[in-house]
Amino acid sequence: TIGVSLGLISGYMGGWVDRVISSLVNLILSVPYLVLVIVAAT
């Protein structure tokens, strides 16, 4: 629900909206997934 909504907005609108959303996505993906989940659960 969240990902498709943001992806539609980012891909269709482009510009600074796309850059902001893509930067947030890249920031989250830069952290190893298992480490991120364990830290959040803790």
PDB file of all heavy atoms in Angstrom:
ATOM      1  N   THR A   1       0.824  -1.206   0.000  1.00  0.00           N
ATOM      2  CA  THR A   1       0.000   0.000   0.000  1.00  0.00           C
ATOM      3  C   THR A   1       0.861   1.261   0.000  1.00  0.00           C
ATOM      4  O   THR A   1       0.666   2.184  -0.809  1.00  0.00           O
ATOM      5  CB  THR A   1      -0.932   0.010   1.219  1.00  0.00           C
ATOM      6  OG1 THR A   1      -1.770  -1.152   1.173  1.00  0.00           O
ATOM      7  CG2 THR A   1      -1.807   1.254   1.222  1.00  0.00           C
ATOM      8  N   ILE A   2       1.830   1.306   0.907  1.00  0.00           N
ATOM      9  CA  ILE A   2       2.698   2.484   0.990  1.00  0.00           C
ATOM     10  C   ILE A   2       3.642   2.549  -0.203  1.00  0.00           C
ATOM     11  O   ILE A   2       3.812   3.604  -0.827  1.00  0.00           O
ATOM     12  CB  ILE A   2       3.501   2.467   2.306  1.00  0.00           C
ATOM     13  CG1 ILE A   2       2.563   2.447   3.510  1.00  0.00           C
ATOM     14  CG2 ILE A   2       4.428   3.678   2.384  1.00  0.00           C
ATOM     15  CD1 ILE A   2       3.281   2.307   4.842  1.00  0.00           C
ATOM     16  N   GLY A   3       4.267   1.410  -0.534  1.00  0.00           N
ATOM     17  CA  GLY A   3       5.268   1.410  -1.593  1.00  0.00           C
ATOM     18  C   GLY A   3       4.707   1.719  -2.964  1.00  0.00           C
ATOM     19  O   GLY A   3       5.304   2.488  -3.725  1.00  0.00           O
ATOM     20  N   VAL A   4       3.553   1.136  -3.295  1.00  0.00           N
ATOM     21  CA  VAL A   4       2.954   1.402  -4.608  1.00  0.00           C
ATOM     22  C   VAL A   4       2.515   2.855  -4.716  1.00  0.00           C
ATOM     23  O   VAL A   4       2.704   3.505  -5.754  1.00  0.00           O
ATOM     24  CB  VAL A   4       1.767   0.447  -4.847  1.00  0.00           C
ATOM     25  CG1 VAL A   4       1.005   0.845  -6.106  1.00  0.00           C
ATOM     26  CG2 VAL A   4       2.256  -0.989  -4.964  1.00  0.00           C
ATOM     27  N   SER A   5       1.961   3.402  -3.659  1.00  0.00           N
ATOM     28  CA  SER A   5       1.533   4.807  -3.678  1.00  0.00           C
ATOM     29  C   SER A   5       2.724   5.736  -3.907  1.00  0.00           C
ATOM     30  O   SER A   5       2.680   6.631  -4.769  1.00  0.00           O
ATOM     31  CB  SER A   5       0.836   5.166  -2.369  1.00  0.00           C
ATOM     32  OG  SER A   5      -0.307   4.357  -2.166  1.00  0.00           O
ATOM     33  N   LEU A   6       3.793   5.525  -3.155  1.00  0.00           N
ATOM     34  CA  LEU A   6       4.981   6.363  -3.323  1.00  0.00           C
ATOM     35  C   LEU A   6       5.634   6.143  -4.687  1.00  0.00           C
ATOM     36  O   LEU A   6       6.135   7.089  -5.303  1.00  0.00           O
ATOM     37  CB  LEU A   6       5.989   6.079  -2.216  1.00  0.00           C
ATOM     38  CG  LEU A   6       5.577   6.474  -0.790  1.00  0.00           C
ATOM     39  CD1 LEU A   6       6.641   6.069   0.214  1.00  0.00           C
ATOM     40  CD2 LEU A   6       5.318   7.976  -0.708  1.00  0.00           C
ATOM     41  N   GLY A   7       5.638   4.892  -5.154  1.00  0.00           N
ATOM     42  CA  GLY A   7       6.226   4.605  -6.458  1.00  0.00           C
ATOM     43  C   GLY A   7       5.472   5.258  -7.597  1.00  0.00           C
ATOM     44  O   GLY A   7       6.082   5.769  -8.549  1.00  0.00           O
ATOM     45  N   LEU A   8       4.147   5.261  -7.520  1.00  0.00           N
ATOM     46  CA  LEU A   8       3.347   5.921  -8.549  1.00  0.00           C
ATOM     47  C   LEU A   8       3.601   7.421  -8.567  1.00  0.00           C
ATOM     48  O   LEU A   8       3.766   8.035  -9.631  1.00  0.00           O
ATOM     49  CB  LEU A   8       1.862   5.643  -8.310  1.00  0.00           C
ATOM     50  CG  LEU A   8       1.378   4.207  -8.571  1.00  0.00           C
ATOM     51  CD1 LEU A   8      -0.064   4.047  -8.120  1.00  0.00           C
ATOM     52  CD2 LEU A   8       1.509   3.846 -10.046  1.00  0.00           C
ATOM     53  N   ILE A   9       3.647   8.015  -7.378  1.00  0.00           N
ATOM     54  CA  ILE A   9       3.903   9.455  -7.288  1.00  0.00           C
ATOM     55  C   ILE A   9       5.298   9.788  -7.793  1.00  0.00           C
ATOM     56  O   ILE A   9       5.494  10.728  -8.577  1.00  0.00           O
ATOM     57  CB  ILE A   9       3.718   9.939  -5.839  1.00  0.00           C
ATOM     58  CG1 ILE A   9       2.265   9.762  -5.402  1.00  0.00           C
ATOM     59  CG2 ILE A   9       4.141  11.398  -5.694  1.00  0.00           C
ATOM     60  CD1 ILE A   9       2.032  10.051  -3.934  1.00  0.00           C
ATOM     61  N   SER A  10       6.279   9.013  -7.344  1.00  0.00           N
ATOM     62  CA  SER A  10       7.665   9.287  -7.729  1.00  0.00           C
ATOM     63  C   SER A  10       7.886   9.104  -9.223  1.00  0.00           C
ATOM     64  O   SER A  10       8.497   9.957  -9.881  1.00  0.00           O
ATOM     65  CB  SER A  10       8.599   8.352  -6.944  1.00  0.00           C
ATOM     66  OG  SER A  10       9.933   8.508  -7.349  1.00  0.00           O
ATOM     67  N   GLY A  11       7.393   8.007  -9.778  1.00  0.00           N
ATOM     68  CA  GLY A  11       7.638   7.731 -11.184  1.00  0.00           C
ATOM     69  C   GLY A  11       6.903   8.649 -12.127  1.00  0.00           C
ATOM     70  O   GLY A  11       7.447   9.037 -13.172  1.00  0.00           O
ATOM     71  N   TYR A  12       5.685   9.046 -11.784  1.00  0.00           N
ATOM     72  CA  TYR A  12       4.898   9.856 -12.716  1.00  0.00           C
ATOM     73  C   TYR A  12       5.207  11.355 -12.596  1.00  0.00           C
ATOM     74  O   TYR A  12       5.285  12.051 -13.608  1.00  0.00           O
ATOM     75  CB  TYR A  12       3.410   9.628 -12.489  1.00  0.00           C
ATOM     76  CG  TYR A  12       2.551  10.244 -13.576  1.00  0.00           C
ATOM     77  CD1 TYR A  12       2.394   9.599 -14.801  1.00  0.00           C
ATOM     78  CD2 TYR A  12       1.914  11.467 -13.386  1.00  0.00           C
ATOM     79  CE1 TYR A  12       1.630  10.160 -15.808  1.00  0.00           C
ATOM     80  CE2 TYR A  12       1.146  12.033 -14.382  1.00  0.00           C
ATOM     81  CZ  TYR A  12       1.002  11.380 -15.593  1.00  0.00           C
ATOM     82  OH  TYR A  12       0.238  11.956 -16.590  1.00  0.00           O
ATOM     83  N   MET A  13       5.391  11.829 -11.374  1.00  0.00           N
ATOM     84  CA  MET A  13       5.627  13.257 -11.187  1.00  0.00           C
ATOM     85  C   MET A  13       7.063  13.650 -11.517  1.00  0.00           C
ATOM     86  O   MET A  13       7.308  14.707 -12.098  1.00  0.00           O
ATOM     87  CB  MET A  13       5.285  13.662  -9.752  1.00  0.00           C
ATOM     88  CG  MET A  13       3.828  13.516  -9.393  1.00  0.00           C
ATOM     89  SD  MET A  13       3.418  14.227  -7.780  1.00  0.00           S
ATOM     90  CE  MET A  13       3.777  15.958  -8.058  1.00  0.00           C
ATOM     91  N   GLY A  14       8.023  12.808 -11.141  1.00  0.00           N
ATOM     92  CA  GLY A  14       9.419  13.119 -11.415  1.00  0.00           C
ATOM     93  C   GLY A  14       9.888  14.347 -10.645  1.00  0.00           C
ATOM     94  O   GLY A  14       9.307  14.741  -9.636  1.00  0.00           O
ATOM     95  N   GLY A  15      10.938  14.977 -11.128  1.00  0.00           N
ATOM     96  CA  GLY A  15      11.428  16.211 -10.516  1.00  0.00           C
ATOM     97  C   GLY A  15      11.937  16.005  -9.097  1.00  0.00           C
ATOM     98  O   GLY A  15      12.473  14.952  -8.741  1.00  0.00           O
ATOM     99  N   TRP A  16      11.734  17.030  -8.282  1.00  0.00           N
ATOM    100  CA  TRP A  16      12.246  16.990  -6.908  1.00  0.00           C
ATOM    101  C   TRP A  16      11.512  15.945  -6.061  1.00  0.00           C
ATOM    102  O   TRP A  16      12.098  15.383  -5.132  1.00  0.00           O
ATOM    103  CB  TRP A  16      12.130  18.369  -6.263  1.00  0.00           C
ATOM    104  CG  TRP A  16      10.704  18.836  -6.037  1.00  0.00           C
ATOM    105  CD1 TRP A  16       9.934  19.555  -6.896  1.00  0.00           C
ATOM    106  CD2 TRP A  16       9.914  18.602  -4.870  1.00  0.00           C
ATOM    107  NE1 TRP A  16       8.695  19.782  -6.353  1.00  0.00           N
ATOM    108  CE2 TRP A  16       8.652  19.221  -5.113  1.00  0.00           C
ATOM    109  CE3 TRP A  16      10.109  17.946  -3.671  1.00  0.00           C
ATOM    110  CZ2 TRP A  16       7.623  19.177  -4.168  1.00  0.00           C
ATOM    111  CZ3 TRP A  16       9.093  17.892  -2.736  1.00  0.00           C
ATOM    112  CH2 TRP A  16       7.867  18.518  -2.989  1.00  0.00           C
ATOM    113  N   VAL A  17      10.243  15.685  -6.398  1.00  0.00           N
ATOM    114  CA  VAL A  17       9.499  14.654  -5.665  1.00  0.00           C
ATOM    115  C   VAL A  17      10.155  13.298  -5.864  1.00  0.00           C
ATOM    116  O   VAL A  17      10.352  12.532  -4.911  1.00  0.00           O
ATOM    117  CB  VAL A  17       8.025  14.619  -6.129  1.00  0.00           C
ATOM    118  CG1 VAL A  17       7.286  13.477  -5.445  1.00  0.00           C
ATOM    119  CG2 VAL A  17       7.344  15.947  -5.842  1.00  0.00           C
ATOM    120  N   ASP A  18      10.516  13.008  -7.097  1.00  0.00           N
ATOM    121  CA  ASP A  18      11.180  11.744  -7.399  1.00  0.00           C
ATOM    122  C   ASP A  18      12.528  11.665  -6.696  1.00  0.00           C
ATOM    123  O   ASP A  18      12.900  10.612  -6.157  1.00  0.00           O
ATOM    124  CB  ASP A  18      11.351  11.613  -8.911  1.00  0.00           C
ATOM    125  CG  ASP A  18      11.973  10.283  -9.309  1.00  0.00           C
ATOM    126  OD1 ASP A  18      11.798   9.304  -8.568  1.00  0.00           O
ATOM    127  OD2 ASP A  18      12.650  10.229 -10.356  1.00  0.00           O
ATOM    128  N   ARG A  19      13.272  12.753  -6.678  1.00  0.00           N
ATOM    129  CA  ARG A  19      14.589  12.744  -6.042  1.00  0.00           C
ATOM    130  C   ARG A  19      14.485  12.521  -4.538  1.00  0.00           C
ATOM    131  O   ARG A  19      15.293  11.792  -3.954  1.00  0.00           O
ATOM    132  CB  ARG A  19      15.317  14.061  -6.344  1.00  0.00           C
ATOM    133  CG  ARG A  19      15.762  14.204  -7.791  1.00  0.00           C
ATOM    134  CD  ARG A  19      16.734  15.350  -7.951  1.00  0.00           C
ATOM    135  NE  ARG A  19      16.095  16.624  -7.678  1.00  0.00           N
ATOM    136  CZ  ARG A  19      15.469  17.382  -8.587  1.00  0.00           C
ATOM    137  NH1 ARG A  19      15.403  16.950  -9.845  1.00  0.00           N
ATOM    138  NH2 ARG A  19      14.919  18.528  -8.269  1.00  0.00           N
ATOM    139  N   VAL A  20      13.495  13.148  -3.898  1.00  0.00           N
ATOM    140  CA  VAL A  20      13.334  12.996  -2.451  1.00  0.00           C
ATOM    141  C   VAL A  20      12.956  11.556  -2.097  1.00  0.00           C
ATOM    142  O   VAL A  20      13.550  10.937  -1.208  1.00  0.00           O
ATOM    143  CB  VAL A  20      12.278  13.989  -1.917  1.00  0.00           C
ATOM    144  CG1 VAL A  20      11.925  13.662  -0.466  1.00  0.00           C
ATOM    145  CG2 VAL A  20      12.781  15.410  -2.022  1.00  0.00           C
ATOM    146  N   ILE A  21      11.954  11.018  -2.799  1.00  0.00           N
ATOM    147  CA  ILE A  21      11.511   9.650  -2.505  1.00  0.00           C
ATOM    148  C   ILE A  21      12.616   8.648  -2.812  1.00  0.00           C
ATOM    149  O   ILE A  21      12.859   7.707  -2.025  1.00  0.00           O
ATOM    150  CB  ILE A  21      10.235   9.332  -3.301  1.00  0.00           C
ATOM    151  CG1 ILE A  21       9.080  10.227  -2.845  1.00  0.00           C
ATOM    152  CG2 ILE A  21       9.865   7.858  -3.147  1.00  0.00           C
ATOM    153  CD1 ILE A  21       7.794  10.022  -3.607  1.00  0.00           C
ATOM    154  N   SER A  22      13.316   8.831  -3.925  1.00  0.00           N
ATOM    155  CA  SER A  22      14.393   7.904  -4.285  1.00  0.00           C
ATOM    156  C   SER A  22      15.532   7.967  -3.271  1.00  0.00           C
ATOM    157  O   SER A  22      16.145   6.938  -2.944  1.00  0.00           O
ATOM    158  CB  SER A  22      14.926   8.236  -5.684  1.00  0.00           C
ATOM    159  OG  SER A  22      13.921   8.066  -6.659  1.00  0.00           O
ATOM    160  N   SER A  23      15.827   9.151  -2.755  1.00  0.00           N
ATOM    161  CA  SER A  23      16.888   9.281  -1.753  1.00  0.00           C
ATOM    162  C   SER A  23      16.518   8.556  -0.466  1.00  0.00           C
ATOM    163  O   SER A  23      17.359   7.877   0.146  1.00  0.00           O
ATOM    164  CB  SER A  23      17.157  10.763  -1.467  1.00  0.00           C
ATOM    165  OG  SER A  23      17.595  11.437  -2.627  1.00  0.00           O
ATOM    166  N   LEU A  24      15.247   8.681  -0.031  1.00  0.00           N
ATOM    167  CA  LEU A  24      14.802   7.977   1.168  1.00  0.00           C
ATOM    168  C   LEU A  24      14.862   6.468   0.971  1.00  0.00           C
ATOM    169  O   LEU A  24      15.285   5.730   1.877  1.00  0.00           O
ATOM    170  CB  LEU A  24      13.379   8.408   1.527  1.00  0.00           C
ATOM    171  CG  LEU A  24      13.208   9.859   2.012  1.00  0.00           C
ATOM    172  CD1 LEU A  24      11.725  10.175   2.210  1.00  0.00           C
ATOM    173  CD2 LEU A  24      13.977  10.098   3.296  1.00  0.00           C
ATOM    174  N   VAL A  25      14.454   6.013  -0.204  1.00  0.00           N
ATOM    175  CA  VAL A  25      14.497   4.578  -0.494  1.00  0.00           C
ATOM    176  C   VAL A  25      15.932   4.065  -0.487  1.00  0.00           C
ATOM    177  O   VAL A  25      16.245   3.020   0.104  1.00  0.00           O
ATOM    178  CB  VAL A  25      13.823   4.294  -1.850  1.00  0.00           C
ATOM    179  CG1 VAL A  25      14.093   2.856  -2.300  1.00  0.00           C
ATOM    180  CG2 VAL A  25      12.326   4.540  -1.763  1.00  0.00           C
ATOM    181  N   ASN A  26      16.830   4.805  -1.128  1.00  0.00           N
ATOM    182  CA  ASN A  26      18.232   4.383  -1.159  1.00  0.00           C
ATOM    183  C   ASN A  26      18.855   4.392   0.231  1.00  0.00           C
ATOM    184  O   ASN A  26      19.708   3.559   0.550  1.00  0.00           O
ATOM    185  CB  ASN A  26      19.030   5.300  -2.091  1.00  0.00           C
ATOM    186  CG  ASN A  26      18.636   5.125  -3.546  1.00  0.00           C
ATOM    187  OD1 ASN A  26      18.206   4.049  -3.963  1.00  0.00           O
ATOM    188  ND2 ASN A  26      18.765   6.185  -4.329  1.00  0.00           N
ATOM    189  N   LEU A  27      18.427   5.341   1.060  1.00  0.00           N
ATOM    190  CA  LEU A  27      18.946   5.403   2.429  1.00  0.00           C
ATOM    191  C   LEU A  27      18.539   4.169   3.230  1.00  0.00           C
ATOM    192  O   LEU A  27      19.354   3.578   3.945  1.00  0.00           O
ATOM    193  CB  LEU A  27      18.437   6.672   3.120  1.00  0.00           C
ATOM    194  CG  LEU A  27      18.849   6.857   4.586  1.00  0.00           C
ATOM    195  CD1 LEU A  27      20.364   6.986   4.690  1.00  0.00           C
ATOM    196  CD2 LEU A  27      18.170   8.089   5.171  1.00  0.00           C
ATOM    197  N   ILE A  28      17.274   3.767   3.091  1.00  0.00           N
ATOM    198  CA  ILE A  28      16.808   2.581   3.815  1.00  0.00           C
ATOM    199  C   ILE A  28      17.475   1.320   3.281  1.00  0.00           C
ATOM    200  O   ILE A  28      17.896   0.442   4.048  1.00  0.00           O
ATOM    201  CB  ILE A  28      15.275   2.465   3.712  1.00  0.00           C
ATOM    202  CG1 ILE A  28      14.601   3.675   4.385  1.00  0.00           C
ATOM    203  CG2 ILE A  28      14.783   1.170   4.346  1.00  0.00           C
ATOM    204  CD1 ILE A  28      13.094   3.689   4.231  1.00  0.00           C
ATOM    205  N   LEU A  29      17.617   1.230   1.955  1.00  0.00           N
ATOM    206  CA  LEU A  29      18.217   0.041   1.359  1.00  0.00           C
ATOM    207  C   LEU A  29      19.712  -0.055   1.613  1.00  0.00           C
ATOM    208  O   LEU A  29      20.301  -1.130   1.450  1.00  0.00           O
ATOM    209  CB  LEU A  29      17.955   0.023  -0.150  1.00  0.00           C
ATOM    210  CG  LEU A  29      16.496  -0.182  -0.578  1.00  0.00           C
ATOM    211  CD1 LEU A  29      16.368  -0.092  -2.090  1.00  0.00           C
ATOM    212  CD2 LEU A  29      15.979  -1.523  -0.083  1.00  0.00           C
ATOM    213  N   SER A  30      20.340   1.049   2.001  1.00  0.00           N
ATOM    214  CA  SER A  30      21.777   1.017   2.286  1.00  0.00           C
ATOM    215  C   SER A  30      22.085   0.284   3.586  1.00  0.00           C
ATOM    216  O   SER A  30      23.229  -0.130   3.814  1.00  0.00           O
ATOM    217  CB  SER A  30      22.334   2.444   2.359  1.00  0.00           C
ATOM    218  OG  SER A  30      21.765   3.160   3.445  1.00  0.00           O
ATOM    219  N   VAL A  31      21.078   0.133   4.449  1.00  0.00           N
ATOM    220  CA  VAL A  31      21.252  -0.588   5.713  1.00  0.00           C
ATOM    221  C   VAL A  31      20.900  -2.060   5.483  1.00  0.00           C
ATOM    222  O   VAL A  31      19.858  -2.351   4.889  1.00  0.00           O
ATOM    223  CB  VAL A  31      20.351   0.004   6.816  1.00  0.00           C
ATOM    224  CG1 VAL A  31      20.575  -0.720   8.140  1.00  0.00           C
ATOM    225  CG2 VAL A  31      20.611   1.494   6.976  1.00  0.00           C
ATOM    226  N   PRO A  32      21.734  -2.996   5.910  1.00  0.00           N
ATOM    227  CA  PRO A  32      21.392  -4.423   5.766  1.00  0.00           C
ATOM    228  C   PRO A  32      20.021  -4.719   6.364  1.00  0.00           C
ATOM    229  O   PRO A  32      19.720  -4.299   7.483  1.00  0.00           O
ATOM    230  CB  PRO A  32      22.513  -5.129   6.538  1.00  0.00           C
ATOM    231  CG  PRO A  32      23.667  -4.177   6.463  1.00  0.00           C
ATOM    232  CD  PRO A  32      23.063  -2.799   6.508  1.00  0.00           C
ATOM    233  N   TYR A  33      19.205  -5.448   5.600  1.00  0.00           N
ATOM    234  CA  TYR A  33      17.803  -5.636   5.994  1.00  0.00           C
ATOM    235  C   TYR A  33      17.668  -6.314   7.350  1.00  0.00           C
ATOM    236  O   TYR A  33      16.889  -5.878   8.197  1.00  0.00           O
ATOM    237  CB  TYR A  33      17.077  -6.457   4.924  1.00  0.00           C
ATOM    238  CG  TYR A  33      15.620  -6.700   5.241  1.00  0.00           C
ATOM    239  CD1 TYR A  33      14.690  -5.674   5.099  1.00  0.00           C
ATOM    240  CD2 TYR A  33      15.186  -7.932   5.701  1.00  0.00           C
ATOM    241  CE1 TYR A  33      13.355  -5.880   5.399  1.00  0.00           C
ATOM    242  CE2 TYR A  33      13.851  -8.145   5.997  1.00  0.00           C
ATOM    243  CZ  TYR A  33      12.944  -7.124   5.841  1.00  0.00           C
ATOM    244  OH  TYR A  33      11.626  -7.331   6.153  1.00  0.00           O
ATOM    245  N   LEU A  34      18.418  -7.372   7.571  1.00  0.00           N
ATOM    246  CA  LEU A  34      18.290  -8.105   8.828  1.00  0.00           C
ATOM    247  C   LEU A  34      18.697  -7.238  10.020  1.00  0.00           C
ATOM    248  O   LEU A  34      18.054  -7.285  11.072  1.00  0.00           O
ATOM    249  CB  LEU A  34      19.147  -9.372   8.780  1.00  0.00           C
ATOM    250  CG  LEU A  34      19.012 -10.337   9.956  1.00  0.00           C
ATOM    251  CD1 LEU A  34      17.561 -10.781  10.101  1.00  0.00           C
ATOM    252  CD2 LEU A  34      19.922 -11.543   9.781  1.00  0.00           C
ATOM    253  N   VAL A  35      19.743  -6.431   9.845  1.00  0.00           N
ATOM    254  CA  VAL A  35      20.161  -5.522  10.920  1.00  0.00           C
ATOM    255  C   VAL A  35      19.071  -4.494  11.203  1.00  0.00           C
ATOM    256  O   VAL A  35      18.760  -4.198  12.364  1.00  0.00           O
ATOM    257  CB  VAL A  35      21.481  -4.819  10.533  1.00  0.00           C
ATOM    258  CG1 VAL A  35      21.856  -3.763  11.581  1.00  0.00           C
ATOM    259  CG2 VAL A  35      22.599  -5.832  10.380  1.00  0.00           C
ATOM    260  N   LEU A  36      18.470  -3.965  10.147  1.00  0.00           N
ATOM    261  CA  LEU A  36      17.410  -2.974  10.314  1.00  0.00           C
ATOM    262  C   LEU A  36      16.221  -3.557  11.068  1.00  0.00           C
ATOM    263  O   LEU A  36      15.665  -2.927  11.976  1.00  0.00           O
ATOM    264  CB  LEU A  36      16.969  -2.461   8.939  1.00  0.00           C
ATOM    265  CG  LEU A  36      15.885  -1.377   8.905  1.00  0.00           C
ATOM    266  CD1 LEU A  36      16.388  -0.112   9.591  1.00  0.00           C
ATOM    267  CD2 LEU A  36      15.489  -1.065   7.470  1.00  0.00           C
ATOM    268  N   VAL A  37      15.828  -4.772  10.716  1.00  0.00           N
ATOM    269  CA  VAL A  37      14.683  -5.420  11.372  1.00  0.00           C
ATOM    270  C   VAL A  37      14.990  -5.714  12.838  1.00  0.00           C
ATOM    271  O   VAL A  37      14.154  -5.478  13.720  1.00  0.00           O
ATOM    272  CB  VAL A  37      14.302  -6.710  10.613  1.00  0.00           C
ATOM    273  CG1 VAL A  37      13.285  -7.515  11.408  1.00  0.00           C
ATOM    274  CG2 VAL A  37      13.747  -6.379   9.236  1.00  0.00           C
ATOM    275  N   ILE A  38      16.183  -6.220  13.120  1.00  0.00           N
ATOM    276  CA  ILE A  38      16.545  -6.552  14.502  1.00  0.00           C
ATOM    277  C   ILE A  38      16.592  -5.295  15.371  1.00  0.00           C
ATOM    278  O   ILE A  38      16.091  -5.292  16.510  1.00  0.00           O
ATOM    279  CB  ILE A  38      17.893  -7.293  14.533  1.00  0.00           C
ATOM    280  CG1 ILE A  38      17.739  -8.684  13.908  1.00  0.00           C
ATOM    281  CG2 ILE A  38      18.412  -7.411  15.961  1.00  0.00           C
ATOM    282  CD1 ILE A  38      19.043  -9.460  13.807  1.00  0.00           C
ATOM    283  N   VAL A  39      17.175  -4.221  14.853  1.00  0.00           N
ATOM    284  CA  VAL A  39      17.243  -2.971  15.621  1.00  0.00           C
ATOM    285  C   VAL A  39      15.843  -2.426  15.883  1.00  0.00           C
ATOM    286  O   VAL A  39      15.520  -2.013  17.004  1.00  0.00           O
ATOM    287  CB  VAL A  39      18.099  -1.940  14.865  1.00  0.00           C
ATOM    288  CG1 VAL A  39      17.996  -0.569  15.531  1.00  0.00           C
ATOM    289  CG2 VAL A  39      19.548  -2.380  14.819  1.00  0.00           C
ATOM    290  N   ALA A  40      14.983  -2.443  14.851  1.00  0.00           N
ATOM    291  CA  ALA A  40      13.617  -1.937  15.024  1.00  0.00           C
ATOM    292  C   ALA A  40      12.838  -2.784  16.027  1.00  0.00           C
ATOM    293  O   ALA A  40      12.108  -2.250  16.870  1.00  0.00           O
ATOM    294  CB  ALA A  40      12.898  -1.907  13.668  1.00  0.00           C
ATOM    295  N   ALA A  41      12.993  -4.102  15.957  1.00  0.00           N
ATOM    296  CA  ALA A  41      12.291  -4.980  16.894  1.00  0.00           C
ATOM    297  C   ALA A  41      12.786  -4.774  18.318  1.00  0.00           C
ATOM    298  O   ALA A  41      12.004  -4.847  19.275  1.00  0.00           O
ATOM    299  CB  ALA A  41      12.474  -6.441  16.475  1.00  0.00           C
ATOM    300  N   THR A  42      14.074  -4.510  18.475  1.00  0.00           N
ATOM    301  CA  THR A  42      14.626  -4.261  19.807  1.00  0.00           C
ATOM    302  C   THR A  42      14.094  -2.960  20.388  1.00  0.00           C
ATOM    303  O   THR A  42      13.803  -2.868  21.592  1.00  0.00           O
ATOM    304  CB  THR A  42      16.162  -4.222  19.744  1.00  0.00           C
ATOM    305  OG1 THR A  42      16.650  -5.442  19.166  1.00  0.00           O
ATOM    306  CG2 THR A  42      16.754  -4.047  21.132  1.00  0.00           C
TER     307      THR A  42
END
